[in-house]
Structure formats: C-alpha cells, structure tokens
N, C-alpha and C. Protein backbone atom coordinates (compact mmCIF):
# COMPACT_ATOMS: atom_id res chain seq x y z
N MET A 1 139.07 -102.19 85.31
CA MET A 1 140.52 -102.28 85.27
C MET A 1 141.09 -101.52 86.46
N HIS A 2 142.36 -101.77 86.71
CA HIS A 2 143.03 -101.16 87.86
C HIS A 2 144.44 -100.76 87.47
N ILE A 3 144.88 -99.62 88.01
CA ILE A 3 146.27 -99.18 87.88
C ILE A 3 146.90 -99.24 89.26
N ILE A 4 148.10 -99.81 89.33
CA ILE A 4 148.88 -99.85 90.57
C ILE A 4 150.13 -99.01 90.37
N LEU A 5 150.40 -98.11 91.31
CA LEU A 5 151.66 -97.38 91.33
C LEU A 5 152.46 -97.89 92.52
N HIS A 6 153.60 -98.48 92.24
CA HIS A 6 154.46 -99.01 93.29
C HIS A 6 155.47 -97.94 93.70
N GLN A 7 155.26 -97.36 94.85
CA GLN A 7 156.16 -96.37 95.45
C GLN A 7 156.41 -95.16 94.54
N PRO A 8 155.35 -94.52 94.07
CA PRO A 8 155.56 -93.33 93.22
C PRO A 8 156.26 -92.22 93.99
N GLU A 9 157.06 -91.42 93.26
CA GLU A 9 157.88 -90.40 93.90
C GLU A 9 157.48 -88.97 93.57
N ILE A 10 156.87 -88.75 92.43
CA ILE A 10 156.61 -87.38 91.96
C ILE A 10 155.11 -87.10 92.04
N PRO A 11 154.71 -86.13 92.85
CA PRO A 11 153.28 -85.88 93.04
C PRO A 11 152.54 -85.50 91.77
N ALA A 12 153.15 -84.73 90.89
CA ALA A 12 152.47 -84.33 89.66
C ALA A 12 152.15 -85.54 88.78
N ASN A 13 153.04 -86.52 88.73
CA ASN A 13 152.75 -87.74 87.95
C ASN A 13 151.55 -88.48 88.54
N THR A 14 151.54 -88.62 89.85
CA THR A 14 150.43 -89.33 90.49
C THR A 14 149.13 -88.56 90.29
N GLY A 15 149.18 -87.24 90.35
CA GLY A 15 148.00 -86.44 90.07
C GLY A 15 147.49 -86.63 88.66
N ASN A 16 148.40 -86.62 87.69
CA ASN A 16 148.01 -86.84 86.29
C ASN A 16 147.41 -88.23 86.10
N ILE A 17 148.03 -89.22 86.72
CA ILE A 17 147.54 -90.59 86.62
C ILE A 17 146.17 -90.71 87.29
N GLY A 18 146.00 -90.05 88.43
CA GLY A 18 144.70 -90.05 89.10
C GLY A 18 143.62 -89.46 88.20
N ARG A 19 143.96 -88.39 87.51
CA ARG A 19 142.99 -87.76 86.59
C ARG A 19 142.65 -88.70 85.45
N THR A 20 143.64 -89.38 84.89
CA THR A 20 143.39 -90.36 83.83
C THR A 20 142.50 -91.49 84.34
N CYS A 21 142.78 -91.97 85.54
CA CYS A 21 141.95 -93.04 86.13
C CYS A 21 140.52 -92.56 86.34
N ALA A 22 140.35 -91.36 86.85
CA ALA A 22 139.00 -90.82 87.07
C ALA A 22 138.26 -90.68 85.74
N ALA A 23 138.95 -90.25 84.70
CA ALA A 23 138.32 -90.05 83.39
C ALA A 23 137.92 -91.35 82.71
N THR A 24 138.54 -92.44 83.13
CA THR A 24 138.29 -93.73 82.49
C THR A 24 137.54 -94.71 83.40
N GLY A 25 137.26 -94.31 84.63
CA GLY A 25 136.56 -95.19 85.56
C GLY A 25 137.41 -96.33 86.07
N VAL A 26 138.71 -96.11 86.11
CA VAL A 26 139.66 -97.13 86.53
C VAL A 26 140.11 -96.84 87.97
N SER A 27 140.24 -97.89 88.76
CA SER A 27 140.69 -97.74 90.15
C SER A 27 142.20 -97.52 90.20
N LEU A 28 142.64 -96.73 91.17
CA LEU A 28 144.06 -96.46 91.38
C LEU A 28 144.47 -97.06 92.72
N HIS A 29 145.56 -97.82 92.71
CA HIS A 29 146.08 -98.46 93.91
C HIS A 29 147.50 -97.93 94.13
N LEU A 30 147.76 -97.38 95.31
CA LEU A 30 149.06 -96.78 95.63
C LEU A 30 149.74 -97.64 96.69
N ILE A 31 150.94 -98.10 96.35
CA ILE A 31 151.72 -98.91 97.29
C ILE A 31 152.82 -98.05 97.88
N GLU A 32 152.85 -97.97 99.19
CA GLU A 32 153.79 -97.12 99.92
C GLU A 32 155.17 -97.78 99.96
N PRO A 33 156.19 -96.97 100.28
CA PRO A 33 156.10 -95.56 100.65
C PRO A 33 155.91 -94.66 99.42
N LEU A 34 155.16 -93.59 99.62
CA LEU A 34 154.99 -92.57 98.59
C LEU A 34 156.06 -91.50 98.81
N GLY A 35 156.50 -90.88 97.74
CA GLY A 35 157.52 -89.85 97.84
C GLY A 35 156.94 -88.48 98.13
N PHE A 36 155.71 -88.42 98.64
CA PHE A 36 155.00 -87.15 98.85
C PHE A 36 153.78 -87.45 99.71
N ARG A 37 153.10 -86.40 100.13
CA ARG A 37 151.83 -86.53 100.84
C ARG A 37 150.70 -86.33 99.83
N LEU A 38 149.63 -87.06 99.98
CA LEU A 38 148.53 -86.98 99.01
C LEU A 38 147.81 -85.64 99.03
N ASN A 39 148.07 -84.81 100.03
CA ASN A 39 147.41 -83.51 100.05
C ASN A 39 148.29 -82.39 99.49
N GLU A 40 149.42 -82.73 98.89
CA GLU A 40 150.30 -81.71 98.33
C GLU A 40 149.62 -81.01 97.15
N LYS A 41 149.94 -79.74 96.98
CA LYS A 41 149.27 -78.95 95.95
C LYS A 41 149.59 -79.43 94.54
N GLU A 42 150.75 -80.07 94.34
CA GLU A 42 151.08 -80.57 93.01
C GLU A 42 150.09 -81.66 92.57
N ILE A 43 149.65 -82.48 93.50
CA ILE A 43 148.66 -83.50 93.18
C ILE A 43 147.33 -82.85 92.87
N ARG A 44 146.93 -81.90 93.70
CA ARG A 44 145.66 -81.20 93.46
C ARG A 44 145.68 -80.49 92.12
N ARG A 45 146.81 -79.85 91.79
CA ARG A 45 146.90 -79.12 90.52
C ARG A 45 146.81 -80.07 89.34
N ALA A 46 147.54 -81.18 89.39
CA ALA A 46 147.54 -82.12 88.27
C ALA A 46 146.23 -82.88 88.18
N GLY A 47 145.66 -83.26 89.32
CA GLY A 47 144.42 -84.02 89.32
C GLY A 47 143.20 -83.14 89.24
N MET A 48 143.41 -81.84 89.38
CA MET A 48 142.35 -80.84 89.35
C MET A 48 141.22 -81.25 90.29
N ASP A 49 140.02 -80.99 89.90
CA ASP A 49 138.90 -81.30 90.78
C ASP A 49 138.35 -82.71 90.54
N TYR A 50 139.13 -83.55 89.85
CA TYR A 50 138.68 -84.90 89.55
C TYR A 50 139.00 -85.90 90.65
N TRP A 51 139.86 -85.53 91.58
CA TRP A 51 140.33 -86.48 92.60
C TRP A 51 139.16 -87.04 93.40
N GLU A 52 138.11 -86.24 93.61
CA GLU A 52 136.95 -86.72 94.38
C GLU A 52 136.19 -87.82 93.64
N HIS A 53 136.38 -87.95 92.34
CA HIS A 53 135.71 -88.98 91.55
C HIS A 53 136.55 -90.24 91.42
N LEU A 54 137.70 -90.25 92.04
CA LEU A 54 138.67 -91.34 91.89
C LEU A 54 138.49 -92.39 92.97
N ASP A 55 138.50 -93.65 92.56
CA ASP A 55 138.52 -94.77 93.49
C ASP A 55 139.99 -95.09 93.75
N VAL A 56 140.49 -94.66 94.91
CA VAL A 56 141.91 -94.84 95.22
C VAL A 56 142.06 -95.58 96.55
N THR A 57 143.01 -96.53 96.57
CA THR A 57 143.30 -97.32 97.76
C THR A 57 144.80 -97.31 98.00
N ARG A 58 145.19 -97.18 99.27
CA ARG A 58 146.62 -97.21 99.64
C ARG A 58 146.94 -98.50 100.37
N TYR A 59 148.18 -98.97 100.18
CA TYR A 59 148.67 -100.19 100.82
C TYR A 59 150.03 -99.90 101.42
N MET A 60 150.32 -100.51 102.54
CA MET A 60 151.61 -100.30 103.20
C MET A 60 152.77 -100.89 102.39
N ASN A 61 152.50 -101.99 101.67
CA ASN A 61 153.54 -102.63 100.86
C ASN A 61 152.87 -103.59 99.86
N PHE A 62 153.67 -104.20 99.00
CA PHE A 62 153.14 -105.09 97.98
C PHE A 62 152.52 -106.33 98.60
N ASP A 63 153.07 -106.81 99.70
CA ASP A 63 152.49 -107.98 100.36
C ASP A 63 151.07 -107.70 100.84
N GLU A 64 150.82 -106.50 101.37
CA GLU A 64 149.46 -106.16 101.78
C GLU A 64 148.54 -106.12 100.56
N PHE A 65 149.01 -105.55 99.47
CA PHE A 65 148.21 -105.53 98.24
C PHE A 65 147.85 -106.96 97.84
N LYS A 66 148.84 -107.86 97.78
CA LYS A 66 148.59 -109.24 97.36
C LYS A 66 147.63 -109.94 98.30
N SER A 67 147.72 -109.67 99.59
CA SER A 67 146.82 -110.33 100.54
C SER A 67 145.38 -109.85 100.35
N MET A 68 145.20 -108.62 99.90
CA MET A 68 143.85 -108.09 99.67
C MET A 68 143.31 -108.45 98.28
N HIS A 69 144.20 -108.82 97.37
CA HIS A 69 143.81 -109.18 95.99
C HIS A 69 144.55 -110.47 95.58
N PRO A 70 144.29 -111.57 96.27
CA PRO A 70 145.11 -112.79 96.05
C PRO A 70 145.00 -113.37 94.64
N ASP A 71 143.89 -113.15 93.94
CA ASP A 71 143.71 -113.73 92.62
C ASP A 71 143.91 -112.72 91.49
N ALA A 72 144.47 -111.58 91.80
CA ALA A 72 144.62 -110.51 90.81
C ALA A 72 145.59 -110.92 89.70
N LYS A 73 145.18 -110.65 88.47
CA LYS A 73 146.12 -110.80 87.35
C LYS A 73 146.82 -109.45 87.21
N ILE A 74 148.13 -109.46 87.39
CA ILE A 74 148.90 -108.22 87.40
C ILE A 74 149.86 -108.20 86.21
N TRP A 75 149.69 -107.18 85.38
CA TRP A 75 150.64 -106.92 84.30
C TRP A 75 151.67 -105.95 84.86
N MET A 76 152.94 -106.30 84.76
CA MET A 76 154.03 -105.48 85.29
C MET A 76 154.69 -104.71 84.14
N ALA A 77 154.53 -103.40 84.14
CA ALA A 77 155.13 -102.57 83.09
C ALA A 77 156.58 -102.28 83.45
N THR A 78 157.48 -102.73 82.58
CA THR A 78 158.92 -102.59 82.83
C THR A 78 159.67 -102.53 81.51
N THR A 79 160.74 -101.78 81.48
CA THR A 79 161.57 -101.72 80.27
C THR A 79 162.31 -103.04 80.04
N LYS A 80 162.27 -103.94 81.00
CA LYS A 80 163.02 -105.20 80.92
C LYS A 80 162.21 -106.35 80.32
N ALA A 81 160.94 -106.14 80.00
CA ALA A 81 160.06 -107.21 79.53
C ALA A 81 160.40 -107.67 78.13
N ARG A 82 160.04 -108.90 77.83
CA ARG A 82 160.25 -109.46 76.50
C ARG A 82 159.11 -109.12 75.55
N GLN A 83 157.89 -109.00 76.08
CA GLN A 83 156.73 -108.72 75.23
C GLN A 83 156.27 -107.28 75.40
N THR A 84 155.67 -106.75 74.35
CA THR A 84 155.19 -105.37 74.41
C THR A 84 153.76 -105.34 74.94
N TYR A 85 153.36 -104.18 75.38
CA TYR A 85 152.03 -103.98 75.95
C TYR A 85 150.91 -104.26 74.95
N SER A 86 151.20 -104.16 73.66
CA SER A 86 150.18 -104.36 72.63
C SER A 86 150.09 -105.81 72.16
N GLU A 87 150.94 -106.68 72.66
CA GLU A 87 150.94 -108.08 72.25
C GLU A 87 150.13 -108.98 73.19
N VAL A 88 149.56 -108.42 74.23
CA VAL A 88 148.86 -109.22 75.22
C VAL A 88 147.37 -108.88 75.22
N SER A 89 146.58 -109.74 75.84
CA SER A 89 145.14 -109.52 75.96
C SER A 89 144.79 -109.20 77.40
N TYR A 90 144.20 -108.04 77.61
CA TYR A 90 143.83 -107.58 78.95
C TYR A 90 142.39 -107.94 79.24
N GLY A 91 142.13 -108.30 80.48
CA GLY A 91 140.77 -108.56 80.93
C GLY A 91 140.23 -107.36 81.68
N PRO A 92 138.91 -107.27 81.84
CA PRO A 92 138.30 -106.10 82.47
C PRO A 92 138.63 -105.93 83.95
N ASP A 93 139.10 -106.99 84.59
CA ASP A 93 139.44 -106.91 86.02
C ASP A 93 140.94 -106.94 86.27
N ASP A 94 141.74 -106.83 85.21
CA ASP A 94 143.20 -106.91 85.34
C ASP A 94 143.76 -105.67 86.02
N PHE A 95 144.94 -105.85 86.60
CA PHE A 95 145.72 -104.79 87.22
C PHE A 95 146.95 -104.54 86.36
N ILE A 96 147.31 -103.28 86.18
CA ILE A 96 148.54 -102.94 85.46
C ILE A 96 149.40 -102.14 86.44
N MET A 97 150.58 -102.66 86.72
CA MET A 97 151.45 -102.05 87.74
C MET A 97 152.62 -101.32 87.11
N PHE A 98 152.93 -100.16 87.67
CA PHE A 98 154.05 -99.33 87.25
C PHE A 98 154.91 -99.02 88.46
N GLY A 99 156.21 -98.94 88.26
CA GLY A 99 157.13 -98.69 89.37
C GLY A 99 157.44 -97.22 89.55
N LYS A 100 158.25 -96.97 90.55
CA LYS A 100 158.61 -95.58 90.84
C LYS A 100 159.47 -94.99 89.73
N GLU A 101 159.42 -93.68 89.64
CA GLU A 101 160.07 -92.97 88.54
C GLU A 101 161.57 -93.22 88.45
N SER A 102 162.26 -93.32 89.57
CA SER A 102 163.73 -93.42 89.54
C SER A 102 164.25 -94.83 89.30
N ALA A 103 163.42 -95.87 89.53
CA ALA A 103 163.97 -97.22 89.45
C ALA A 103 163.02 -98.26 88.87
N GLY A 104 161.76 -97.92 88.64
CA GLY A 104 160.81 -98.91 88.13
C GLY A 104 160.39 -99.90 89.21
N ILE A 105 159.85 -101.02 88.76
CA ILE A 105 159.43 -102.08 89.67
C ILE A 105 160.66 -102.88 90.07
N PRO A 106 160.85 -103.17 91.36
CA PRO A 106 162.03 -103.95 91.77
C PRO A 106 162.09 -105.31 91.08
N GLU A 107 163.29 -105.70 90.68
CA GLU A 107 163.46 -107.00 90.01
C GLU A 107 163.03 -108.15 90.90
N GLU A 108 163.09 -107.98 92.21
CA GLU A 108 162.64 -109.02 93.14
C GLU A 108 161.15 -109.33 92.96
N LEU A 109 160.39 -108.35 92.51
CA LEU A 109 158.97 -108.57 92.20
C LEU A 109 158.80 -109.08 90.77
N LEU A 110 159.57 -108.52 89.85
CA LEU A 110 159.42 -108.87 88.43
C LEU A 110 159.63 -110.36 88.17
N VAL A 111 160.60 -110.98 88.84
CA VAL A 111 160.92 -112.38 88.56
C VAL A 111 159.75 -113.31 88.79
N ASP A 112 158.82 -112.93 89.66
CA ASP A 112 157.64 -113.77 89.91
C ASP A 112 156.53 -113.53 88.90
N TYR A 113 156.70 -112.57 88.02
CA TYR A 113 155.67 -112.19 87.05
C TYR A 113 156.21 -112.15 85.62
N GLU A 114 157.18 -113.00 85.33
CA GLU A 114 157.84 -112.96 84.02
C GLU A 114 156.85 -113.03 82.85
N LYS A 115 155.83 -113.87 82.94
CA LYS A 115 154.88 -114.04 81.84
C LYS A 115 153.92 -112.86 81.68
N THR A 116 153.81 -112.01 82.70
CA THR A 116 152.92 -110.85 82.59
C THR A 116 153.70 -109.53 82.64
N CYS A 117 154.99 -109.58 82.37
CA CYS A 117 155.76 -108.34 82.23
C CYS A 117 155.57 -107.81 80.82
N ILE A 118 155.35 -106.50 80.72
CA ILE A 118 155.12 -105.85 79.43
C ILE A 118 155.99 -104.60 79.34
N ARG A 119 156.30 -104.19 78.11
CA ARG A 119 157.09 -102.98 77.92
C ARG A 119 156.53 -102.15 76.78
N ILE A 120 156.88 -100.88 76.81
CA ILE A 120 156.54 -99.96 75.72
C ILE A 120 157.80 -99.83 74.86
N PRO A 121 157.71 -100.13 73.57
CA PRO A 121 158.91 -100.03 72.72
C PRO A 121 159.43 -98.58 72.66
N MET A 122 160.73 -98.44 72.68
CA MET A 122 161.36 -97.13 72.53
C MET A 122 162.79 -97.33 72.04
N LEU A 123 163.41 -96.27 71.63
CA LEU A 123 164.79 -96.34 71.15
C LEU A 123 165.71 -96.77 72.29
N PRO A 124 166.78 -97.51 71.97
CA PRO A 124 167.64 -98.07 73.01
C PRO A 124 168.39 -97.03 73.85
N GLN A 125 168.62 -95.85 73.32
CA GLN A 125 169.37 -94.86 74.09
C GLN A 125 168.49 -94.12 75.11
N ILE A 126 167.18 -94.39 75.10
CA ILE A 126 166.27 -93.75 76.04
C ILE A 126 166.00 -94.73 77.18
N ARG A 127 166.16 -94.26 78.42
CA ARG A 127 166.00 -95.13 79.58
C ARG A 127 164.54 -95.47 79.83
N SER A 128 163.67 -94.47 79.77
CA SER A 128 162.25 -94.71 80.04
C SER A 128 161.43 -93.50 79.64
N LEU A 129 160.11 -93.70 79.59
CA LEU A 129 159.17 -92.62 79.35
C LEU A 129 158.70 -92.04 80.68
N ASN A 130 158.06 -90.89 80.62
CA ASN A 130 157.45 -90.32 81.81
C ASN A 130 156.38 -91.29 82.33
N LEU A 131 156.28 -91.42 83.65
CA LEU A 131 155.37 -92.38 84.26
C LEU A 131 153.92 -92.13 83.86
N SER A 132 153.45 -90.90 83.92
CA SER A 132 152.04 -90.66 83.59
C SER A 132 151.76 -90.92 82.11
N ASN A 133 152.73 -90.65 81.24
CA ASN A 133 152.56 -90.99 79.82
C ASN A 133 152.50 -92.50 79.63
N SER A 134 153.35 -93.22 80.33
CA SER A 134 153.37 -94.69 80.22
C SER A 134 152.05 -95.29 80.66
N VAL A 135 151.51 -94.79 81.76
CA VAL A 135 150.21 -95.30 82.23
C VAL A 135 149.14 -95.06 81.17
N ALA A 136 149.11 -93.86 80.60
CA ALA A 136 148.10 -93.54 79.59
C ALA A 136 148.23 -94.43 78.37
N ILE A 137 149.44 -94.67 77.91
CA ILE A 137 149.66 -95.50 76.72
C ILE A 137 149.12 -96.91 76.95
N VAL A 138 149.53 -97.53 78.03
CA VAL A 138 149.15 -98.92 78.29
C VAL A 138 147.67 -99.02 78.66
N LEU A 139 147.20 -98.13 79.50
CA LEU A 139 145.79 -98.18 79.92
C LEU A 139 144.85 -98.04 78.74
N TYR A 140 145.12 -97.11 77.85
CA TYR A 140 144.21 -96.92 76.72
C TYR A 140 144.24 -98.10 75.75
N GLU A 141 145.35 -98.81 75.64
CA GLU A 141 145.34 -100.04 74.85
C GLU A 141 144.47 -101.10 75.52
N ALA A 142 144.60 -101.22 76.84
CA ALA A 142 143.77 -102.19 77.56
C ALA A 142 142.29 -101.84 77.45
N LEU A 143 141.96 -100.56 77.55
CA LEU A 143 140.57 -100.12 77.41
C LEU A 143 140.07 -100.30 75.98
N ARG A 144 140.93 -100.07 75.00
CA ARG A 144 140.55 -100.28 73.59
C ARG A 144 140.15 -101.75 73.40
N GLN A 145 140.93 -102.65 74.00
CA GLN A 145 140.61 -104.07 73.88
C GLN A 145 139.27 -104.42 74.53
N GLN A 146 138.83 -103.60 75.47
CA GLN A 146 137.54 -103.79 76.13
C GLN A 146 136.45 -102.98 75.43
N ASN A 147 136.75 -102.46 74.23
CA ASN A 147 135.83 -101.62 73.45
C ASN A 147 135.39 -100.38 74.23
N PHE A 148 136.29 -99.86 75.05
CA PHE A 148 136.02 -98.65 75.84
C PHE A 148 134.68 -98.77 76.57
N SER A 149 134.48 -99.91 77.16
CA SER A 149 133.23 -100.22 77.85
C SER A 149 132.82 -99.10 78.81
N GLN A 150 131.59 -98.67 78.68
CA GLN A 150 130.96 -97.66 79.53
C GLN A 150 131.60 -96.28 79.43
N MET A 151 132.36 -96.04 78.39
CA MET A 151 132.96 -94.72 78.20
C MET A 151 132.23 -93.99 77.08
N GLN A 152 132.25 -92.70 77.12
CA GLN A 152 131.64 -91.87 76.07
C GLN A 152 132.45 -92.04 74.80
N LEU A 153 131.80 -92.48 73.74
CA LEU A 153 132.50 -92.74 72.49
C LEU A 153 132.35 -91.63 71.46
N GLU A 154 131.43 -90.71 71.69
CA GLU A 154 131.26 -89.59 70.77
C GLU A 154 131.45 -88.29 71.53
N GLY A 155 132.07 -87.34 70.87
CA GLY A 155 132.26 -86.02 71.48
C GLY A 155 131.30 -85.02 70.85
N GLY A 156 131.05 -83.97 71.57
CA GLY A 156 130.18 -82.92 71.06
C GLY A 156 130.80 -81.56 71.29
N LEU A 157 130.46 -80.65 70.43
CA LEU A 157 130.94 -79.27 70.59
C LEU A 157 130.19 -78.62 71.75
N HIS A 158 130.78 -77.59 72.35
CA HIS A 158 130.15 -76.90 73.47
C HIS A 158 129.11 -75.88 73.00
N ARG A 159 129.48 -75.05 72.04
CA ARG A 159 128.58 -73.97 71.60
C ARG A 159 127.91 -74.23 70.28
N LEU A 160 128.55 -74.98 69.41
CA LEU A 160 128.02 -75.22 68.07
C LEU A 160 127.70 -76.69 67.88
N SER A 161 127.18 -77.03 66.72
CA SER A 161 126.88 -78.43 66.40
C SER A 161 127.73 -78.85 65.22
N TRP A 162 128.07 -80.13 65.17
CA TRP A 162 128.77 -80.67 64.02
C TRP A 162 127.86 -80.59 62.80
N LYS A 163 128.40 -80.32 61.62
CA LYS A 163 127.59 -80.22 60.39
C LYS A 163 127.33 -81.59 59.83
C-alpha cells in the first residue's frame, strides 16, 4: 500500500505519518511544495529513528506523480466525499492520498476521482481531524482488509511472559 501527502505543511504530522508508514511497511509519497524541509528537527522528533526504514519518494507536483504511476488506483481522503473509508475495498497496491492541513486536496483534483473519494465520519460542526490521525484511521482499515499481511500479529512482553 501507499500513502500520498499532497503539499503537507506541518513537519510533526509528516514525521508521525512517516513513522506509521515505517511501522506498517507502507510507502510514503510526498508531493511538493512541502511547508518545511525534510531535515527539520520536528520531523526527526516525530519520526524518531524510524525514518531510515521508510520508503519515501518526493514529486514536484501531482502531474509528476501521475506520470510515474499512470495506473495507480488512488483513494482521495476528503471531508467532501459521499462514501466513507470503511465502505470501500482496498487493494494491496492502492494509494491513499491526503491533502494539506489547511485546505485538504484541491477540488480541481477531487473532481477527477469522484468514485474513489472517501471520508471519515465526524460531527458536522468539526471541520476535520488531525492529518496524522486521519492517515492512521484509513490506513489501518485498508491493512485490516489485507489481513495485516506480513505484519506482526502477536505481541510479547519485554521482561515477563503472558500466563
């Protein structure tokens, strides 16, 4: 699976998302312009020492992304979608795209992806959820549908054993 961040603005969110991607074996795709430099300490702090395990690719714009992935199935996460993220079926090679924190994915892009726009239900008086939380919610549903393929399904204690 793949996560796309379209013009992310807050380094801590991107760091958190990078850590989630590294923990799940998911590729991260960053579409410029970014609202920060990738070497900022906020990214390092949020992503901790996991950034080196992350498969991350940068693109100058969405057109460059599309030219490099012409057959990509892209789910567009937006508060404007008619269907929820849990009503669709994700494939193992699908891309899930999220927009920048202040404005989301531009409507000029959304109109071409109406059938693959998805939303997270929330109360009407709330504009949106935090970007890194939104990525985690949708990504883990997509991974659940893939039976958490190649992920550790059992946890163990560090010092003791389960009874």
